[in-house]
Amino acid sequence: MTLGVVEVSKRIAGFVGSAVVATSVALLGAPLPSASAEPCPDVEVVFARGTGEPPGVGGVGQALVDSLRSQVGDRSLGVYGVDYPASADFGNRIEFAKTVVDGVRDAGAHIQATAANCPKTRIVLGGYSQGAAVAGYVTANRIPDGVPAEYVSQIPNPLPPSVADNVAAVTLIGRPSDRFLSDVGAPPIVIGPLYADKTTEVCATDDTICNGAGVGGPSFAHALYGVNGMVGEAAAFATSRL
């Protein structure tokens, strides 16, 4: 490991924030957020932004939304940006874990609310970089191995199996590799069996966050998904599942 995790966090946040695409724990019993305003959209994108991006779906998320709009025809498209800190505090394992858990909880709660209130809406779950890790964990059918026993009670339960029918596709863009996650003390992402066939992952060959390289500063390729054509590929996959 050539860089400390704190330095890595600073580089990731700064790099992504300035690149071409401009890209604590709540109670388990907290009320579910309301789904999209009526009328229910035909399709809704639930997207978790990348590290350090401002609230919303982020640059890569917006590129995915724009590509989907061009592909879904006359179907209405709603957008929900996962509400979580997208923290760059990789040096504090517990605090960083809390930000990811916040994202998993918020995305899962919103998906359940949408399924209940808008049962005909087809959901596209997605995320970029850290957000892709959040989205991946949302699909898990059990709490990941490696979570310390004292924190298991703080992890949201997996989504009910019935909700999987409402999720048409999962798009993970530049997802941190298992090696990267291990290096920063996070458990591996295991896509749940109900979501495996509807999940696509895109990773640029030179993207050191997702290509299996050890922890270090992100390569330039990590910030180019909005312009390298791969977001369009992810959108095409999602559209084919609607």
C-alpha atoms as a PDB file:
ATOM      1  CA  MET A   1       0.000   0.000   0.000  1.00  0.00           C
ATOM      2  CA  THR A   2       1.627   3.176  -1.162  1.00  0.00           C
ATOM      3  CA  LEU A   3      -0.806   5.699   0.316  1.00  0.00           C
ATOM      4  CA  GLY A   4      -2.574   5.969   3.658  1.00  0.00           C
ATOM      5  CA  VAL A   5      -6.336   5.703   3.542  1.00  0.00           C
ATOM      6  CA  VAL A   6      -6.744   9.314   4.682  1.00  0.00           C
ATOM      7  CA  GLU A   7      -4.643  10.546   1.763  1.00  0.00           C
ATOM      8  CA  VAL A   8      -6.590   8.250  -0.570  1.00  0.00           C
ATOM      9  CA  SER A   9      -9.865   9.762   0.620  1.00  0.00           C
ATOM     10  CA  LYS A  10      -8.630  13.280  -0.039  1.00  0.00           C
ATOM     11  CA  ARG A  11      -7.461  12.375  -3.534  1.00  0.00           C
ATOM     12  CA  ILE A  12     -10.687  10.574  -4.413  1.00  0.00           C
ATOM     13  CA  ALA A  13     -12.873  13.447  -3.228  1.00  0.00           C
ATOM     14  CA  GLY A  14     -10.754  16.106  -4.883  1.00  0.00           C
ATOM     15  CA  PHE A  15     -10.198  14.209  -8.125  1.00  0.00           C
ATOM     16  CA  VAL A  16     -13.813  13.264  -8.707  1.00  0.00           C
ATOM     17  CA  GLY A  17     -15.047  16.703  -7.731  1.00  0.00           C
ATOM     18  CA  SER A  18     -12.848  18.445 -10.294  1.00  0.00           C
ATOM     19  CA  ALA A  19     -12.902  15.923 -13.150  1.00  0.00           C
ATOM     20  CA  VAL A  20     -14.699  16.136 -16.431  1.00  0.00           C
ATOM     21  CA  VAL A  21     -17.980  14.649 -15.216  1.00  0.00           C
ATOM     22  CA  ALA A  22     -18.057  16.879 -12.102  1.00  0.00           C
ATOM     23  CA  THR A  23     -18.981  14.218 -10.309  1.00  0.00           C
ATOM     24  CA  SER A  24     -25.569   9.134  12.596  1.00  0.00           C
ATOM     25  CA  VAL A  25     -27.085   5.963  11.738  1.00  0.00           C
ATOM     26  CA  ALA A  26     -30.871   6.420  11.687  1.00  0.00           C
ATOM     27  CA  LEU A  27     -33.205   4.259  13.740  1.00  0.00           C
ATOM     28  CA  LEU A  28     -34.310   1.031  12.079  1.00  0.00           C
ATOM     29  CA  GLY A  29     -37.880   1.930  12.853  1.00  0.00           C
ATOM     30  CA  ALA A  30     -37.774   5.360  11.246  1.00  0.00           C
ATOM     31  CA  PRO A  31     -40.681   6.110   8.897  1.00  0.00           C
ATOM     32  CA  LEU A  32     -40.208   5.231   5.263  1.00  0.00           C
ATOM     33  CA  PRO A  33     -39.740   8.258   3.020  1.00  0.00           C
ATOM     34  CA  SER A  34     -42.628   8.878   0.665  1.00  0.00           C
ATOM     35  CA  ALA A  35     -42.310   7.676  -2.881  1.00  0.00           C
ATOM     36  CA  SER A  36     -42.355   9.906  -5.925  1.00  0.00           C
ATOM     37  CA  ALA A  37     -45.150  12.434  -6.125  1.00  0.00           C
ATOM     38  CA  GLU A  38     -48.274  11.318  -7.946  1.00  0.00           C
ATOM     39  CA  PRO A  39     -48.788  10.437 -10.659  1.00  0.00           C
ATOM     40  CA  CYS A  40     -46.365   7.572 -10.261  1.00  0.00           C
ATOM     41  CA  PRO A  41     -43.689   7.533 -12.969  1.00  0.00           C
ATOM     42  CA  ASP A  42     -43.414   4.591 -15.319  1.00  0.00           C
ATOM     43  CA  VAL A  43     -39.727   4.313 -14.396  1.00  0.00           C
ATOM     44  CA  GLU A  44     -37.763   5.678 -11.447  1.00  0.00           C
ATOM     45  CA  VAL A  45     -34.005   5.879 -11.109  1.00  0.00           C
ATOM     46  CA  VAL A  46     -32.776   5.467  -7.521  1.00  0.00           C
ATOM     47  CA  PHE A  47     -29.112   6.476  -7.670  1.00  0.00           C
ATOM     48  CA  ALA A  48     -26.350   6.867  -5.065  1.00  0.00           C
ATOM     49  CA  ARG A  49     -23.753   9.496  -5.992  1.00  0.00           C
ATOM     50  CA  GLY A  50     -19.994   9.093  -5.689  1.00  0.00           C
ATOM     51  CA  THR A  51     -17.623  10.215  -2.942  1.00  0.00           C
ATOM     52  CA  GLY A  52     -17.648  13.927  -2.243  1.00  0.00           C
ATOM     53  CA  GLU A  53     -20.276  14.824  -4.849  1.00  0.00           C
ATOM     54  CA  PRO A  54     -22.985  17.302  -3.816  1.00  0.00           C
ATOM     55  CA  PRO A  55     -26.443  16.000  -2.809  1.00  0.00           C
ATOM     56  CA  GLY A  56     -28.461  14.561  -5.664  1.00  0.00           C
ATOM     57  CA  VAL A  57     -27.445  11.926  -8.190  1.00  0.00           C
ATOM     58  CA  GLY A  58     -24.046  13.437  -9.068  1.00  0.00           C
ATOM     59  CA  GLY A  59     -22.453  13.879 -12.483  1.00  0.00           C
ATOM     60  CA  VAL A  60     -22.331  10.219 -13.491  1.00  0.00           C
ATOM     61  CA  GLY A  61     -25.826   9.646 -12.143  1.00  0.00           C
ATOM     62  CA  GLN A  62     -27.152  12.537 -14.220  1.00  0.00           C
ATOM     63  CA  ALA A  63     -25.432  11.122 -17.301  1.00  0.00           C
ATOM     64  CA  LEU A  64     -27.229   7.816 -16.662  1.00  0.00           C
ATOM     65  CA  VAL A  65     -30.559   9.602 -16.224  1.00  0.00           C
ATOM     66  CA  ASP A  66     -30.046  11.574 -19.450  1.00  0.00           C
ATOM     67  CA  SER A  67     -29.165   8.417 -21.367  1.00  0.00           C
ATOM     68  CA  LEU A  68     -32.205   6.603 -19.997  1.00  0.00           C
ATOM     69  CA  ARG A  69     -34.486   9.487 -20.966  1.00  0.00           C
ATOM     70  CA  SER A  70     -33.278   9.152 -24.545  1.00  0.00           C
ATOM     71  CA  GLN A  71     -33.984   5.410 -24.545  1.00  0.00           C
ATOM     72  CA  VAL A  72     -37.288   4.901 -22.697  1.00  0.00           C
ATOM     73  CA  GLY A  73     -39.449   6.587 -25.323  1.00  0.00           C
ATOM     74  CA  ASP A  74     -42.655   8.175 -24.077  1.00  0.00           C
ATOM     75  CA  ARG A  75     -42.485   6.517 -20.667  1.00  0.00           C
ATOM     76  CA  SER A  76     -42.251   8.954 -17.740  1.00  0.00           C
ATOM     77  CA  LEU A  77     -39.018   8.907 -15.745  1.00  0.00           C
ATOM     78  CA  GLY A  78     -38.632   9.917 -12.102  1.00  0.00           C
ATOM     79  CA  VAL A  79     -35.338  10.424 -10.270  1.00  0.00           C
ATOM     80  CA  TYR A  80     -34.399   9.929  -6.610  1.00  0.00           C
ATOM     81  CA  GLY A  81     -30.933  10.767  -5.302  1.00  0.00           C
ATOM     82  CA  VAL A  82     -30.062   8.552  -2.345  1.00  0.00           C
ATOM     83  CA  ASP A  83     -29.785  10.720   0.770  1.00  0.00           C
ATOM     84  CA  TYR A  84     -26.457   9.884   2.395  1.00  0.00           C
ATOM     85  CA  PRO A  85     -23.224  11.756   3.189  1.00  0.00           C
ATOM     86  CA  ALA A  86     -21.018  10.134   0.509  1.00  0.00           C
ATOM     87  CA  SER A  87     -18.235  10.729   3.024  1.00  0.00           C
ATOM     88  CA  ALA A  88     -14.553  10.655   2.124  1.00  0.00           C
ATOM     89  CA  ASP A  89     -13.525   9.786   5.691  1.00  0.00           C
ATOM     90  CA  PHE A  90     -11.912   6.463   4.784  1.00  0.00           C
ATOM     91  CA  GLY A  91      -9.458   6.922   7.661  1.00  0.00           C
ATOM     92  CA  ASN A  92     -12.208   6.426  10.267  1.00  0.00           C
ATOM     93  CA  ARG A  93     -13.556   2.953   9.625  1.00  0.00           C
ATOM     94  CA  ILE A  94     -16.573   3.290  11.925  1.00  0.00           C
ATOM     95  CA  GLU A  95     -17.649   6.721  10.696  1.00  0.00           C
ATOM     96  CA  PHE A  96     -17.178   5.685   7.090  1.00  0.00           C
ATOM     97  CA  ALA A  97     -19.211   2.525   7.684  1.00  0.00           C
ATOM     98  CA  LYS A  98     -22.004   4.691   9.077  1.00  0.00           C
ATOM     99  CA  THR A  99     -22.200   6.770   5.909  1.00  0.00           C
ATOM    100  CA  VAL A 100     -22.528   3.636   3.772  1.00  0.00           C
ATOM    101  CA  VAL A 101     -25.160   2.206   6.126  1.00  0.00           C
ATOM    102  CA  ASP A 102     -27.063   5.493   5.894  1.00  0.00           C
ATOM    103  CA  GLY A 103     -27.107   5.114   2.127  1.00  0.00           C
ATOM    104  CA  VAL A 104     -28.191   1.481   2.215  1.00  0.00           C
ATOM    105  CA  ARG A 105     -30.988   2.311   4.635  1.00  0.00           C
ATOM    106  CA  ASP A 106     -32.244   5.324   2.686  1.00  0.00           C
ATOM    107  CA  ALA A 107     -32.170   3.574  -0.695  1.00  0.00           C
ATOM    108  CA  GLY A 108     -33.840   0.460   0.696  1.00  0.00           C
ATOM    109  CA  ALA A 109     -36.543   2.459   2.460  1.00  0.00           C
ATOM    110  CA  HIS A 110     -37.283   4.481  -0.658  1.00  0.00           C
ATOM    111  CA  ILE A 111     -37.500   1.359  -2.808  1.00  0.00           C
ATOM    112  CA  GLN A 112     -39.940  -0.222  -0.372  1.00  0.00           C
ATOM    113  CA  ALA A 113     -42.057   2.937  -0.262  1.00  0.00           C
ATOM    114  CA  THR A 114     -42.127   3.139  -4.050  1.00  0.00           C
ATOM    115  CA  ALA A 115     -43.086  -0.526  -4.348  1.00  0.00           C
ATOM    116  CA  ALA A 116     -45.943   0.026  -1.888  1.00  0.00           C
ATOM    117  CA  ASN A 117     -47.224   3.345  -3.236  1.00  0.00           C
ATOM    118  CA  CYS A 118     -46.396   2.962  -6.926  1.00  0.00           C
ATOM    119  CA  PRO A 119     -46.475  -0.799  -7.570  1.00  0.00           C
ATOM    120  CA  LYS A 120     -46.402  -0.398 -11.364  1.00  0.00           C
ATOM    121  CA  THR A 121     -43.294   1.814 -11.335  1.00  0.00           C
ATOM    122  CA  ARG A 122     -40.208   0.011 -12.617  1.00  0.00           C
ATOM    123  CA  ILE A 123     -37.164   0.897 -10.507  1.00  0.00           C
ATOM    124  CA  VAL A 124     -33.607   1.245 -11.793  1.00  0.00           C
ATOM    125  CA  LEU A 125     -31.255   1.070  -8.810  1.00  0.00           C
ATOM    126  CA  GLY A 126     -27.760   2.347  -9.389  1.00  0.00           C
ATOM    127  CA  GLY A 127     -24.685   4.037  -8.038  1.00  0.00           C
ATOM    128  CA  TYR A 128     -21.261   5.338  -8.932  1.00  0.00           C
ATOM    129  CA  SER A 129     -18.010   4.657  -7.058  1.00  0.00           C
ATOM    130  CA  GLN A 130     -18.857   4.634  -3.325  1.00  0.00           C
ATOM    131  CA  GLY A 131     -22.498   4.901  -4.402  1.00  0.00           C
ATOM    132  CA  ALA A 132     -22.129   1.711  -6.434  1.00  0.00           C
ATOM    133  CA  ALA A 133     -21.023  -0.029  -3.247  1.00  0.00           C
ATOM    134  CA  VAL A 134     -24.134   1.318  -1.512  1.00  0.00           C
ATOM    135  CA  ALA A 135     -26.384   0.061  -4.310  1.00  0.00           C
ATOM    136  CA  GLY A 136     -24.659  -3.317  -4.322  1.00  0.00           C
ATOM    137  CA  TYR A 137     -25.136  -3.762  -0.590  1.00  0.00           C
ATOM    138  CA  VAL A 138     -28.840  -2.862  -0.987  1.00  0.00           C
ATOM    139  CA  THR A 139     -29.345  -6.024  -3.042  1.00  0.00           C
ATOM    140  CA  ALA A 140     -27.757  -8.343  -0.465  1.00  0.00           C
ATOM    141  CA  ASN A 141     -29.992 -11.085   0.900  1.00  0.00           C
ATOM    142  CA  ARG A 142     -28.136 -11.154   4.209  1.00  0.00           C
ATOM    143  CA  ILE A 143     -25.917  -8.944   6.319  1.00  0.00           C
ATOM    144  CA  PRO A 144     -22.391  -9.218   4.856  1.00  0.00           C
ATOM    145  CA  ASP A 145     -19.766 -11.289   6.604  1.00  0.00           C
ATOM    146  CA  GLY A 146     -17.122  -9.254   8.370  1.00  0.00           C
ATOM    147  CA  VAL A 147     -19.452  -6.825  10.128  1.00  0.00           C
ATOM    148  CA  PRO A 148     -18.376  -6.675  13.812  1.00  0.00           C
ATOM    149  CA  ALA A 149     -20.961  -8.340  16.047  1.00  0.00           C
ATOM    150  CA  GLU A 150     -21.532  -5.172  18.057  1.00  0.00           C
ATOM    151  CA  TYR A 151     -22.666  -3.337  14.910  1.00  0.00           C
ATOM    152  CA  VAL A 152     -24.888  -6.000  13.355  1.00  0.00           C
ATOM    153  CA  SER A 153     -27.964  -4.582  15.084  1.00  0.00           C
ATOM    154  CA  GLN A 154     -27.357  -1.237  13.337  1.00  0.00           C
ATOM    155  CA  ILE A 155     -27.396  -2.742   9.837  1.00  0.00           C
ATOM    156  CA  PRO A 156     -30.751  -2.523   8.016  1.00  0.00           C
ATOM    157  CA  ASN A 157     -32.451  -5.794   7.214  1.00  0.00           C
ATOM    158  CA  PRO A 158     -32.293  -7.012   3.605  1.00  0.00           C
ATOM    159  CA  LEU A 159     -35.094  -5.937   1.304  1.00  0.00           C
ATOM    160  CA  PRO A 160     -38.185  -8.180   1.389  1.00  0.00           C
ATOM    161  CA  PRO A 161     -38.005 -10.715  -1.467  1.00  0.00           C
ATOM    162  CA  SER A 162     -41.265  -9.386  -2.940  1.00  0.00           C
ATOM    163  CA  VAL A 163     -39.660  -5.993  -3.619  1.00  0.00           C
ATOM    164  CA  ALA A 164     -37.227  -7.538  -6.091  1.00  0.00           C
ATOM    165  CA  ASP A 165     -40.037  -7.753  -8.650  1.00  0.00           C
ATOM    166  CA  ASN A 166     -40.305  -3.954  -8.620  1.00  0.00           C
ATOM    167  CA  VAL A 167     -36.593  -3.475  -9.345  1.00  0.00           C
ATOM    168  CA  ALA A 168     -36.105  -3.870 -13.072  1.00  0.00           C
ATOM    169  CA  ALA A 169     -32.345  -3.339 -13.178  1.00  0.00           C
ATOM    170  CA  VAL A 170     -29.277  -2.564 -11.080  1.00  0.00           C
ATOM    171  CA  THR A 171     -26.462  -0.518 -12.613  1.00  0.00           C
ATOM    172  CA  LEU A 172     -23.130  -0.368 -10.785  1.00  0.00           C
ATOM    173  CA  ILE A 173     -20.648   2.069 -12.296  1.00  0.00           C
ATOM    174  CA  GLY A 174     -17.015   2.049 -11.179  1.00  0.00           C
ATOM    175  CA  ARG A 175     -17.820  -0.114  -8.145  1.00  0.00           C
ATOM    176  CA  PRO A 176     -14.893  -0.443  -5.713  1.00  0.00           C
ATOM    177  CA  SER A 177     -13.316  -3.848  -6.198  1.00  0.00           C
ATOM    178  CA  ASP A 178     -13.301  -6.488  -3.478  1.00  0.00           C
ATOM    179  CA  ARG A 179      -9.585  -5.822  -2.989  1.00  0.00           C
ATOM    180  CA  PHE A 180     -10.203  -2.091  -2.590  1.00  0.00           C
ATOM    181  CA  LEU A 181     -13.010  -2.736  -0.087  1.00  0.00           C
ATOM    182  CA  SER A 182     -10.831  -5.157   1.854  1.00  0.00           C
ATOM    183  CA  ASP A 183      -7.996  -2.630   2.003  1.00  0.00           C
ATOM    184  CA  VAL A 184     -10.302  -0.027   3.571  1.00  0.00           C
ATOM    185  CA  GLY A 185     -11.840  -2.552   5.980  1.00  0.00           C
ATOM    186  CA  ALA A 186     -15.205  -2.997   4.246  1.00  0.00           C
ATOM    187  CA  PRO A 187     -16.928  -6.349   3.613  1.00  0.00           C
ATOM    188  CA  PRO A 188     -17.212  -7.671   0.054  1.00  0.00           C
ATOM    189  CA  ILE A 189     -20.319  -6.927  -1.979  1.00  0.00           C
ATOM    190  CA  VAL A 190     -22.397  -9.994  -2.778  1.00  0.00           C
ATOM    191  CA  ILE A 191     -25.302  -9.309  -5.127  1.00  0.00           C
ATOM    192  CA  GLY A 192     -28.388 -11.100  -3.856  1.00  0.00           C
ATOM    193  CA  PRO A 193     -29.675 -14.007  -5.977  1.00  0.00           C
ATOM    194  CA  LEU A 194     -32.932 -12.185  -6.767  1.00  0.00           C
ATOM    195  CA  TYR A 195     -30.931  -9.342  -8.351  1.00  0.00           C
ATOM    196  CA  ALA A 196     -27.999 -11.144  -9.969  1.00  0.00           C
ATOM    197  CA  ASP A 197     -29.573 -11.591 -13.417  1.00  0.00           C
ATOM    198  CA  LYS A 198     -30.748  -7.963 -13.528  1.00  0.00           C
ATOM    199  CA  THR A 199     -27.425  -6.407 -12.483  1.00  0.00           C
ATOM    200  CA  THR A 200     -24.795  -4.913 -14.757  1.00  0.00           C
ATOM    201  CA  GLU A 201     -21.391  -3.584 -13.703  1.00  0.00           C
ATOM    202  CA  VAL A 202     -19.223  -1.331 -15.844  1.00  0.00           C
ATOM    203  CA  CYS A 203     -15.559  -0.772 -15.062  1.00  0.00           C
ATOM    204  CA  ALA A 204     -13.063   0.955 -17.330  1.00  0.00           C
ATOM    205  CA  THR A 205      -9.911  -1.107 -17.822  1.00  0.00           C
ATOM    206  CA  ASP A 206      -7.663   1.593 -16.362  1.00  0.00           C
ATOM    207  CA  ASP A 207      -9.951   2.497 -13.445  1.00  0.00           C
ATOM    208  CA  THR A 208      -7.919   1.594 -10.370  1.00  0.00           C
ATOM    209  CA  ILE A 209     -10.918   1.833  -8.049  1.00  0.00           C
ATOM    210  CA  CYS A 210     -12.783  -1.034  -9.696  1.00  0.00           C
ATOM    211  CA  ASN A 211     -10.184  -3.037 -11.665  1.00  0.00           C
ATOM    212  CA  GLY A 212      -8.692  -4.869  -8.674  1.00  0.00           C
ATOM    213  CA  ALA A 213      -5.701  -2.626  -8.002  1.00  0.00           C
ATOM    214  CA  GLY A 214      -4.715  -2.008  -4.393  1.00  0.00           C
ATOM    215  CA  VAL A 215      -5.768   1.106  -2.547  1.00  0.00           C
ATOM    216  CA  GLY A 216      -4.247   4.215  -4.040  1.00  0.00           C
ATOM    217  CA  GLY A 217      -5.246   7.420  -5.726  1.00  0.00           C
ATOM    218  CA  PRO A 218      -7.917   7.007  -8.434  1.00  0.00           C
ATOM    219  CA  SER A 219      -6.808   6.984 -12.020  1.00  0.00           C
ATOM    220  CA  PHE A 220      -8.218   9.505 -14.475  1.00  0.00           C
ATOM    221  CA  ALA A 221     -10.376   6.747 -15.990  1.00  0.00           C
ATOM    222  CA  HIS A 222     -12.454   6.655 -12.801  1.00  0.00           C
ATOM    223  CA  ALA A 223     -13.878  10.087 -13.596  1.00  0.00           C
ATOM    224  CA  LEU A 224     -14.706   9.547 -17.263  1.00  0.00           C
ATOM    225  CA  TYR A 225     -17.827   7.370 -17.183  1.00  0.00           C
ATOM    226  CA  GLY A 226     -20.040  10.255 -18.223  1.00  0.00           C
ATOM    227  CA  VAL A 227     -18.132  10.625 -21.490  1.00  0.00           C
ATOM    228  CA  ASN A 228     -16.542   7.226 -22.255  1.00  0.00           C
ATOM    229  CA  GLY A 229     -19.740   5.550 -23.471  1.00  0.00           C
ATOM    230  CA  MET A 230     -20.057   3.099 -20.584  1.00  0.00           C
ATOM    231  CA  VAL A 231     -22.943   4.943 -18.918  1.00  0.00           C
ATOM    232  CA  GLY A 232     -24.821   4.541 -22.201  1.00  0.00           C
ATOM    233  CA  GLU A 233     -24.135   0.803 -22.060  1.00  0.00           C
ATOM    234  CA  ALA A 234     -25.512   0.636 -18.525  1.00  0.00           C
ATOM    235  CA  ALA A 235     -28.594   2.601 -19.581  1.00  0.00           C
ATOM    236  CA  ALA A 236     -29.161   0.297 -22.538  1.00  0.00           C
ATOM    237  CA  PHE A 237     -29.012  -2.725 -20.243  1.00  0.00           C
ATOM    238  CA  ALA A 238     -31.495  -1.117 -17.839  1.00  0.00           C
ATOM    239  CA  THR A 239     -33.839  -0.188 -20.677  1.00  0.00           C
ATOM    240  CA  SER A 240     -33.803  -3.770 -21.944  1.00  0.00           C
ATOM    241  CA  ARG A 241     -35.051  -4.915 -18.531  1.00  0.00           C
ATOM    242  CA  LEU A 242     -37.965  -2.471 -18.252  1.00  0.00           C
END
